[in-house]
Amino acid sequence: MQPTKPRALLALTLTAPLLLLAGCATSSPPVAAPAPMISPLPQQARQIQQPTFSVSASSDIEAWLQQLTPPSSPAKPASAPTGR
């Protein structure tokens, strides 16, 4: 292999960064497209102000407790076994 001249090596070493900088320095149009317009939600899709979870859960529990039926009367004890 033939030894390279230091000047040639230096020239190649400085050329690469200069080419990269020249490529970045050119003005080019932006590549990003403008964002699309988002239409507003229809009235029936909009969220309404909801009570907090704990308030809603408390009212649901109260409603369920009111719907419970009273316990039935205790069952009669089992009769004694019959001897056969």
PDB file of N, CA and C in Angstrom:
ATOM      1  N   MET A   1       0.847  -1.167   0.000  1.00  0.00           N
ATOM      2  CA  MET A   1       0.000   0.000   0.000  1.00  0.00           C
ATOM      3  C   MET A   1       0.895   1.233   0.000  1.00  0.00           C
ATOM      4  N   GLN A   2       0.503   2.189  -0.749  1.00  0.00           N
ATOM      5  CA  GLN A   2       1.292   3.414  -0.916  1.00  0.00           C
ATOM      6  C   GLN A   2       0.903   4.427   0.169  1.00  0.00           C
ATOM      7  N   PRO A   3       1.853   5.039   0.834  1.00  0.00           N
ATOM      8  CA  PRO A   3       1.515   6.029   1.866  1.00  0.00           C
ATOM      9  C   PRO A   3       0.872   7.254   1.225  1.00  0.00           C
ATOM     10  N   THR A   4      -0.180   7.789   1.875  1.00  0.00           N
ATOM     11  CA  THR A   4      -0.868   8.968   1.350  1.00  0.00           C
ATOM     12  C   THR A   4      -0.175  10.227   1.817  1.00  0.00           C
ATOM     13  N   LYS A   5      -0.308  11.229   1.021  1.00  0.00           N
ATOM     14  CA  LYS A   5       0.293  12.505   1.378  1.00  0.00           C
ATOM     15  C   LYS A   5      -0.548  13.166   2.457  1.00  0.00           C
ATOM     16  N   PRO A   6       0.060  13.800   3.430  1.00  0.00           N
ATOM     17  CA  PRO A   6      -0.702  14.452   4.490  1.00  0.00           C
ATOM     18  C   PRO A   6      -1.629  15.547   3.962  1.00  0.00           C
ATOM     19  N   ARG A   7      -1.213  16.255   2.912  1.00  0.00           N
ATOM     20  CA  ARG A   7      -2.085  17.315   2.373  1.00  0.00           C
ATOM     21  C   ARG A   7      -3.342  16.744   1.732  1.00  0.00           C
ATOM     22  N   ALA A   8      -3.222  15.624   1.024  1.00  0.00           N
ATOM     23  CA  ALA A   8      -4.385  15.000   0.389  1.00  0.00           C
ATOM     24  C   ALA A   8      -5.358  14.487   1.451  1.00  0.00           C
ATOM     25  N   LEU A   9      -4.801  13.895   2.484  1.00  0.00           N
ATOM     26  CA  LEU A   9      -5.638  13.410   3.578  1.00  0.00           C
ATOM     27  C   LEU A   9      -6.347  14.559   4.281  1.00  0.00           C
ATOM     28  N   LEU A  10      -5.650  15.661   4.495  1.00  0.00           N
ATOM     29  CA  LEU A  10      -6.253  16.836   5.125  1.00  0.00           C
ATOM     30  C   LEU A  10      -7.352  17.418   4.239  1.00  0.00           C
ATOM     31  N   ALA A  11      -7.130  17.462   2.951  1.00  0.00           N
ATOM     32  CA  ALA A  11      -8.128  17.999   2.028  1.00  0.00           C
ATOM     33  C   ALA A  11      -9.395  17.147   2.041  1.00  0.00           C
ATOM     34  N   LEU A  12      -9.238  15.836   2.044  1.00  0.00           N
ATOM     35  CA  LEU A  12     -10.412  14.947   2.105  1.00  0.00           C
ATOM     36  C   LEU A  12     -11.129  15.074   3.443  1.00  0.00           C
ATOM     37  N   THR A  13     -10.374  15.235   4.519  1.00  0.00           N
ATOM     38  CA  THR A  13     -10.968  15.351   5.846  1.00  0.00           C
ATOM     39  C   THR A  13     -11.772  16.637   5.976  1.00  0.00           C
ATOM     40  N   LEU A  14     -11.320  17.719   5.392  1.00  0.00           N
ATOM     41  CA  LEU A  14     -12.042  18.991   5.485  1.00  0.00           C
ATOM     42  C   LEU A  14     -13.171  19.093   4.464  1.00  0.00           C
ATOM     43  N   THR A  15     -13.117  18.339   3.388  1.00  0.00           N
ATOM     44  CA  THR A  15     -14.140  18.431   2.349  1.00  0.00           C
ATOM     45  C   THR A  15     -15.481  17.858   2.819  1.00  0.00           C
ATOM     46  N   ALA A  16     -15.458  16.752   3.525  1.00  0.00           N
ATOM     47  CA  ALA A  16     -16.706  16.113   3.952  1.00  0.00           C
ATOM     48  C   ALA A  16     -17.546  17.035   4.836  1.00  0.00           C
ATOM     49  N   PRO A  17     -17.010  17.659   5.892  1.00  0.00           N
ATOM     50  CA  PRO A  17     -17.852  18.559   6.696  1.00  0.00           C
ATOM     51  C   PRO A  17     -18.333  19.777   5.910  1.00  0.00           C
ATOM     52  N   LEU A  18     -17.499  20.262   4.994  1.00  0.00           N
ATOM     53  CA  LEU A  18     -17.926  21.415   4.186  1.00  0.00           C
ATOM     54  C   LEU A  18     -19.099  21.055   3.285  1.00  0.00           C
ATOM     55  N   LEU A  19     -19.075  19.867   2.699  1.00  0.00           N
ATOM     56  CA  LEU A  19     -20.197  19.441   1.862  1.00  0.00           C
ATOM     57  C   LEU A  19     -21.466  19.260   2.688  1.00  0.00           C
ATOM     58  N   LEU A  20     -21.318  18.709   3.878  1.00  0.00           N
ATOM     59  CA  LEU A  20     -22.493  18.546   4.749  1.00  0.00           C
ATOM     60  C   LEU A  20     -23.071  19.892   5.159  1.00  0.00           C
ATOM     61  N   LEU A  21     -22.217  20.832   5.491  1.00  0.00           N
ATOM     62  CA  LEU A  21     -22.697  22.163   5.869  1.00  0.00           C
ATOM     63  C   LEU A  21     -23.345  22.871   4.690  1.00  0.00           C
ATOM     64  N   ALA A  22     -22.798  22.695   3.499  1.00  0.00           N
ATOM     65  CA  ALA A  22     -23.370  23.334   2.314  1.00  0.00           C
ATOM     66  C   ALA A  22     -24.768  22.775   2.034  1.00  0.00           C
ATOM     67  N   GLY A  23     -24.943  21.504   2.258  1.00  0.00           N
ATOM     68  CA  GLY A  23     -26.262  20.903   2.047  1.00  0.00           C
ATOM     69  C   GLY A  23     -27.288  21.402   3.043  1.00  0.00           C
ATOM     70  N   CYS A  24     -26.870  21.658   4.261  1.00  0.00           N
ATOM     71  CA  CYS A  24     -27.791  22.145   5.291  1.00  0.00           C
ATOM     72  C   CYS A  24     -28.066  23.640   5.145  1.00  0.00           C
ATOM     73  N   ALA A  25     -27.165  24.375   4.469  1.00  0.00           N
ATOM     74  CA  ALA A  25     -27.302  25.822   4.384  1.00  0.00           C
ATOM     75  C   ALA A  25     -28.272  26.250   3.293  1.00  0.00           C
ATOM     76  N   THR A  26     -28.613  25.379   2.372  1.00  0.00           N
ATOM     77  CA  THR A  26     -29.523  25.788   1.291  1.00  0.00           C
ATOM     78  C   THR A  26     -30.921  25.946   1.839  1.00  0.00           C
ATOM     79  N   SER A  27     -31.629  26.902   1.301  1.00  0.00           N
ATOM     80  CA  SER A  27     -33.004  27.104   1.755  1.00  0.00           C
ATOM     81  C   SER A  27     -33.911  26.160   0.978  1.00  0.00           C
ATOM     82  N   SER A  28     -34.724  25.462   1.699  1.00  0.00           N
ATOM     83  CA  SER A  28     -35.668  24.538   1.075  1.00  0.00           C
ATOM     84  C   SER A  28     -37.041  24.775   1.692  1.00  0.00           C
ATOM     85  N   PRO A  29     -38.096  24.485   0.943  1.00  0.00           N
ATOM     86  CA  PRO A  29     -39.442  24.697   1.491  1.00  0.00           C
ATOM     87  C   PRO A  29     -39.702  23.716   2.638  1.00  0.00           C
ATOM     88  N   PRO A  30     -40.552  24.105   3.566  1.00  0.00           N
ATOM     89  CA  PRO A  30     -40.857  23.198   4.683  1.00  0.00           C
ATOM     90  C   PRO A  30     -41.561  21.942   4.168  1.00  0.00           C
ATOM     91  N   VAL A  31     -41.243  20.825   4.779  1.00  0.00           N
ATOM     92  CA  VAL A  31     -41.816  19.560   4.338  1.00  0.00           C
ATOM     93  C   VAL A  31     -43.094  19.214   5.092  1.00  0.00           C
ATOM     94  N   ALA A  32     -43.369  19.893   6.182  1.00  0.00           N
ATOM     95  CA  ALA A  32     -44.565  19.586   6.970  1.00  0.00           C
ATOM     96  C   ALA A  32     -45.795  20.213   6.319  1.00  0.00           C
ATOM     97  N   ALA A  33     -46.843  19.431   6.216  1.00  0.00           N
ATOM     98  CA  ALA A  33     -48.108  19.919   5.670  1.00  0.00           C
ATOM     99  C   ALA A  33     -48.859  20.660   6.772  1.00  0.00           C
ATOM    100  N   PRO A  34     -49.685  21.624   6.414  1.00  0.00           N
ATOM    101  CA  PRO A  34     -50.467  22.314   7.451  1.00  0.00           C
ATOM    102  C   PRO A  34     -51.459  21.351   8.106  1.00  0.00           C
ATOM    103  N   ALA A  35     -51.721  21.587   9.370  1.00  0.00           N
ATOM    104  CA  ALA A  35     -52.643  20.732  10.115  1.00  0.00           C
ATOM    105  C   ALA A  35     -54.068  20.919   9.604  1.00  0.00           C
ATOM    106  N   PRO A  36     -54.848  19.844   9.526  1.00  0.00           N
ATOM    107  CA  PRO A  36     -56.226  19.970   9.067  1.00  0.00           C
ATOM    108  C   PRO A  36     -57.090  20.678  10.107  1.00  0.00           C
ATOM    109  N   MET A  37     -58.120  21.313   9.651  1.00  0.00           N
ATOM    110  CA  MET A  37     -59.059  21.985  10.561  1.00  0.00           C
ATOM    111  C   MET A  37     -59.953  20.932  11.211  1.00  0.00           C
ATOM    112  N   ILE A  38     -60.170  21.067  12.502  1.00  0.00           N
ATOM    113  CA  ILE A  38     -61.033  20.143  13.237  1.00  0.00           C
ATOM    114  C   ILE A  38     -62.367  20.829  13.465  1.00  0.00           C
ATOM    115  N   SER A  39     -63.420  20.173  13.007  1.00  0.00           N
ATOM    116  CA  SER A  39     -64.745  20.764  13.163  1.00  0.00           C
ATOM    117  C   SER A  39     -65.217  20.587  14.609  1.00  0.00           C
ATOM    118  N   PRO A  40     -66.061  21.476  15.099  1.00  0.00           N
ATOM    119  CA  PRO A  40     -66.558  21.348  16.479  1.00  0.00           C
ATOM    120  C   PRO A  40     -67.499  20.150  16.606  1.00  0.00           C
ATOM    121  N   LEU A  41     -67.592  19.617  17.831  1.00  0.00           N
ATOM    122  CA  LEU A  41     -68.468  18.476  18.086  1.00  0.00           C
ATOM    123  C   LEU A  41     -69.934  18.887  18.007  1.00  0.00           C
ATOM    124  N   PRO A  42     -70.792  17.981  17.541  1.00  0.00           N
ATOM    125  CA  PRO A  42     -72.227  18.282  17.599  1.00  0.00           C
ATOM    126  C   PRO A  42     -72.690  18.327  19.056  1.00  0.00           C
ATOM    127  N   GLN A  43     -73.810  18.954  19.294  1.00  0.00           N
ATOM    128  CA  GLN A  43     -74.304  19.165  20.655  1.00  0.00           C
ATOM    129  C   GLN A  43     -74.473  17.847  21.413  1.00  0.00           C
ATOM    130  N   GLN A  44     -75.003  16.804  20.762  1.00  0.00           N
ATOM    131  CA  GLN A  44     -75.262  15.551  21.476  1.00  0.00           C
ATOM    132  C   GLN A  44     -73.968  14.809  21.823  1.00  0.00           C
ATOM    133  N   ALA A  45     -72.847  15.166  21.199  1.00  0.00           N
ATOM    134  CA  ALA A  45     -71.575  14.499  21.493  1.00  0.00           C
ATOM    135  C   ALA A  45     -70.778  15.226  22.570  1.00  0.00           C
ATOM    136  N   ARG A  46     -71.194  16.387  22.965  1.00  0.00           N
ATOM    137  CA  ARG A  46     -70.445  17.149  23.965  1.00  0.00           C
ATOM    138  C   ARG A  46     -70.692  16.590  25.353  1.00  0.00           C
ATOM    139  N   GLN A  47     -69.661  16.640  26.174  1.00  0.00           N
ATOM    140  CA  GLN A  47     -69.781  16.134  27.532  1.00  0.00           C
ATOM    141  C   GLN A  47     -70.492  17.157  28.400  1.00  0.00           C
ATOM    142  N   ILE A  48     -71.327  16.642  29.263  1.00  0.00           N
ATOM    143  CA  ILE A  48     -72.004  17.515  30.208  1.00  0.00           C
ATOM    144  C   ILE A  48     -71.286  17.405  31.547  1.00  0.00           C
ATOM    145  N   GLN A  49     -71.525  18.340  32.400  1.00  0.00           N
ATOM    146  CA  GLN A  49     -70.875  18.325  33.715  1.00  0.00           C
ATOM    147  C   GLN A  49     -71.432  17.161  34.521  1.00  0.00           C
ATOM    148  N   GLN A  50     -70.590  16.220  34.871  1.00  0.00           N
ATOM    149  CA  GLN A  50     -70.996  15.037  35.618  1.00  0.00           C
ATOM    150  C   GLN A  50     -70.581  15.198  37.082  1.00  0.00           C
ATOM    151  N   PRO A  51     -71.380  14.648  38.009  1.00  0.00           N
ATOM    152  CA  PRO A  51     -70.944  14.679  39.408  1.00  0.00           C
ATOM    153  C   PRO A  51     -69.719  13.792  39.588  1.00  0.00           C
ATOM    154  N   THR A  52     -69.026  14.009  40.658  1.00  0.00           N
ATOM    155  CA  THR A  52     -67.843  13.193  40.905  1.00  0.00           C
ATOM    156  C   THR A  52     -68.246  11.744  41.131  1.00  0.00           C
ATOM    157  N   PHE A  53     -67.286  10.852  41.023  1.00  0.00           N
ATOM    158  CA  PHE A  53     -67.582   9.427  41.152  1.00  0.00           C
ATOM    159  C   PHE A  53     -68.176   9.096  42.512  1.00  0.00           C
ATOM    160  N   SER A  54     -67.612   9.648  43.564  1.00  0.00           N
ATOM    161  CA  SER A  54     -68.087   9.288  44.902  1.00  0.00           C
ATOM    162  C   SER A  54     -69.518   9.771  45.142  1.00  0.00           C
ATOM    163  N   VAL A  55     -69.852  10.948  44.636  1.00  0.00           N
ATOM    164  CA  VAL A  55     -71.220  11.451  44.789  1.00  0.00           C
ATOM    165  C   VAL A  55     -72.175  10.579  43.997  1.00  0.00           C
ATOM    166  N   SER A  56     -71.792  10.244  42.771  1.00  0.00           N
ATOM    167  CA  SER A  56     -72.635   9.397  41.935  1.00  0.00           C
ATOM    168  C   SER A  56     -72.789   8.010  42.550  1.00  0.00           C
ATOM    169  N   ALA A  57     -71.707   7.447  43.065  1.00  0.00           N
ATOM    170  CA  ALA A  57     -71.768   6.118  43.668  1.00  0.00           C
ATOM    171  C   ALA A  57     -72.647   6.138  44.919  1.00  0.00           C
ATOM    172  N   SER A  58     -72.543   7.180  45.720  1.00  0.00           N
ATOM    173  CA  SER A  58     -73.356   7.265  46.940  1.00  0.00           C
ATOM    174  C   SER A  58     -74.838   7.306  46.604  1.00  0.00           C
ATOM    175  N   SER A  59     -75.200   8.075  45.604  1.00  0.00           N
ATOM    176  CA  SER A  59     -76.622   8.147  45.245  1.00  0.00           C
ATOM    177  C   SER A  59     -77.098   6.821  44.661  1.00  0.00           C
ATOM    178  N   ASP A  60     -76.247   6.137  43.911  1.00  0.00           N
ATOM    179  CA  ASP A  60     -76.628   4.826  43.370  1.00  0.00           C
ATOM    180  C   ASP A  60     -76.819   3.809  44.488  1.00  0.00           C
ATOM    181  N   ILE A  61     -75.933   3.822  45.471  1.00  0.00           N
ATOM    182  CA  ILE A  61     -76.047   2.882  46.593  1.00  0.00           C
ATOM    183  C   ILE A  61     -77.320   3.143  47.379  1.00  0.00           C
ATOM    184  N   GLU A  62     -77.634   4.409  47.597  1.00  0.00           N
ATOM    185  CA  GLU A  62     -78.876   4.745  48.316  1.00  0.00           C
ATOM    186  C   GLU A  62     -80.095   4.234  47.549  1.00  0.00           C
ATOM    187  N   ALA A  63     -80.094   4.401  46.228  1.00  0.00           N
ATOM    188  CA  ALA A  63     -81.226   3.935  45.424  1.00  0.00           C
ATOM    189  C   ALA A  63     -81.327   2.411  45.480  1.00  0.00           C
ATOM    190  N   TRP A  64     -80.221   1.708  45.449  1.00  0.00           N
ATOM    191  CA  TRP A  64     -80.247   0.251  45.500  1.00  0.00           C
ATOM    192  C   TRP A  64     -80.711  -0.235  46.876  1.00  0.00           C
ATOM    193  N   LEU A  65     -80.279   0.461  47.931  1.00  0.00           N
ATOM    194  CA  LEU A  65     -80.709   0.050  49.272  1.00  0.00           C
ATOM    195  C   LEU A  65     -82.217   0.201  49.438  1.00  0.00           C
ATOM    196  N   GLN A  66     -82.794   1.199  48.812  1.00  0.00           N
ATOM    197  CA  GLN A  66     -84.233   1.397  48.921  1.00  0.00           C
ATOM    198  C   GLN A  66     -85.007   0.338  48.140  1.00  0.00           C
ATOM    199  N   GLN A  67     -84.364  -0.261  47.149  1.00  0.00           N
ATOM    200  CA  GLN A  67     -85.042  -1.276  46.343  1.00  0.00           C
ATOM    201  C   GLN A  67     -84.961  -2.671  46.959  1.00  0.00           C
ATOM    202  N   LEU A  68     -84.149  -2.832  48.000  1.00  0.00           N
ATOM    203  CA  LEU A  68     -84.030  -4.150  48.627  1.00  0.00           C
ATOM    204  C   LEU A  68     -85.331  -4.534  49.308  1.00  0.00           C
ATOM    205  N   THR A  69     -85.653  -5.808  49.269  1.00  0.00           N
ATOM    206  CA  THR A  69     -86.855  -6.290  49.944  1.00  0.00           C
ATOM    207  C   THR A  69     -86.493  -6.675  51.377  1.00  0.00           C
ATOM    208  N   PRO A  70     -87.424  -6.556  52.284  1.00  0.00           N
ATOM    209  CA  PRO A  70     -87.121  -6.932  53.666  1.00  0.00           C
ATOM    210  C   PRO A  70     -86.849  -8.437  53.748  1.00  0.00           C
ATOM    211  N   PRO A  71     -86.041  -8.859  54.696  1.00  0.00           N
ATOM    212  CA  PRO A  71     -85.756 -10.295  54.810  1.00  0.00           C
ATOM    213  C   PRO A  71     -87.013 -11.071  55.186  1.00  0.00           C
ATOM    214  N   SER A  72     -87.076 -12.292  54.708  1.00  0.00           N
ATOM    215  CA  SER A  72     -88.239 -13.127  55.020  1.00  0.00           C
ATOM    216  C   SER A  72     -88.139 -13.624  56.459  1.00  0.00           C
ATOM    217  N   SER A  73     -89.252 -14.169  56.949  1.00  0.00           N
ATOM    218  CA  SER A  73     -89.250 -14.668  58.330  1.00  0.00           C
ATOM    219  C   SER A  73     -88.326 -15.888  58.405  1.00  0.00           C
ATOM    220  N   PRO A  74     -87.757 -16.113  59.588  1.00  0.00           N
ATOM    221  CA  PRO A  74     -86.836 -17.236  59.695  1.00  0.00           C
ATOM    222  C   PRO A  74     -87.546 -18.561  59.384  1.00  0.00           C
ATOM    223  N   ALA A  75     -86.831 -19.468  58.828  1.00  0.00           N
ATOM    224  CA  ALA A  75     -87.398 -20.775  58.463  1.00  0.00           C
ATOM    225  C   ALA A  75     -87.625 -21.610  59.718  1.00  0.00           C
ATOM    226  N   LYS A  76     -88.561 -22.525  59.622  1.00  0.00           N
ATOM    227  CA  LYS A  76     -88.836 -23.439  60.747  1.00  0.00           C
ATOM    228  C   LYS A  76     -87.663 -24.396  60.872  1.00  0.00           C
ATOM    229  N   PRO A  77     -87.363 -24.791  62.053  1.00  0.00           N
ATOM    230  CA  PRO A  77     -86.270 -25.755  62.215  1.00  0.00           C
ATOM    231  C   PRO A  77     -86.625 -27.087  61.571  1.00  0.00           C
ATOM    232  N   ALA A  78     -85.623 -27.792  61.207  1.00  0.00           N
ATOM    233  CA  ALA A  78     -85.845 -29.097  60.576  1.00  0.00           C
ATOM    234  C   ALA A  78     -86.482 -30.061  61.577  1.00  0.00           C
ATOM    235  N   SER A  79     -87.339 -30.913  61.064  1.00  0.00           N
ATOM    236  CA  SER A  79     -87.987 -31.881  61.971  1.00  0.00           C
ATOM    237  C   SER A  79     -87.002 -32.980  62.327  1.00  0.00           C
ATOM    238  N   ALA A  80     -87.294 -33.646  63.403  1.00  0.00           N
ATOM    239  CA  ALA A  80     -86.414 -34.713  63.866  1.00  0.00           C
ATOM    240  C   ALA A  80     -86.454 -35.858  62.870  1.00  0.00           C
ATOM    241  N   PRO A  81     -85.362 -36.554  62.745  1.00  0.00           N
ATOM    242  CA  PRO A  81     -85.358 -37.687  61.785  1.00  0.00           C
ATOM    243  C   PRO A  81     -86.374 -38.745  62.204  1.00  0.00           C
ATOM    244  N   THR A  82     -86.947 -39.341  61.234  1.00  0.00           N
ATOM    245  CA  THR A  82     -87.926 -40.407  61.510  1.00  0.00           C
ATOM    246  C   THR A  82     -87.202 -41.746  61.474  1.00  0.00           C
ATOM    247  N   GLY A  83     -87.559 -42.628  62.332  1.00  0.00           N
ATOM    248  CA  GLY A  83     -86.920 -43.950  62.390  1.00  0.00           C
ATOM    249  C   GLY A  83     -87.649 -44.915  61.484  1.00  0.00           C
ATOM    250  N   ARG A  84     -86.964 -45.565  60.673  1.00  0.00           N
ATOM    251  CA  ARG A  84     -87.597 -46.567  59.819  1.00  0.00           C
ATOM    252  C   ARG A  84     -87.098 -47.902  60.172  1.00  0.00           C
TER     253      ARG A  84
END
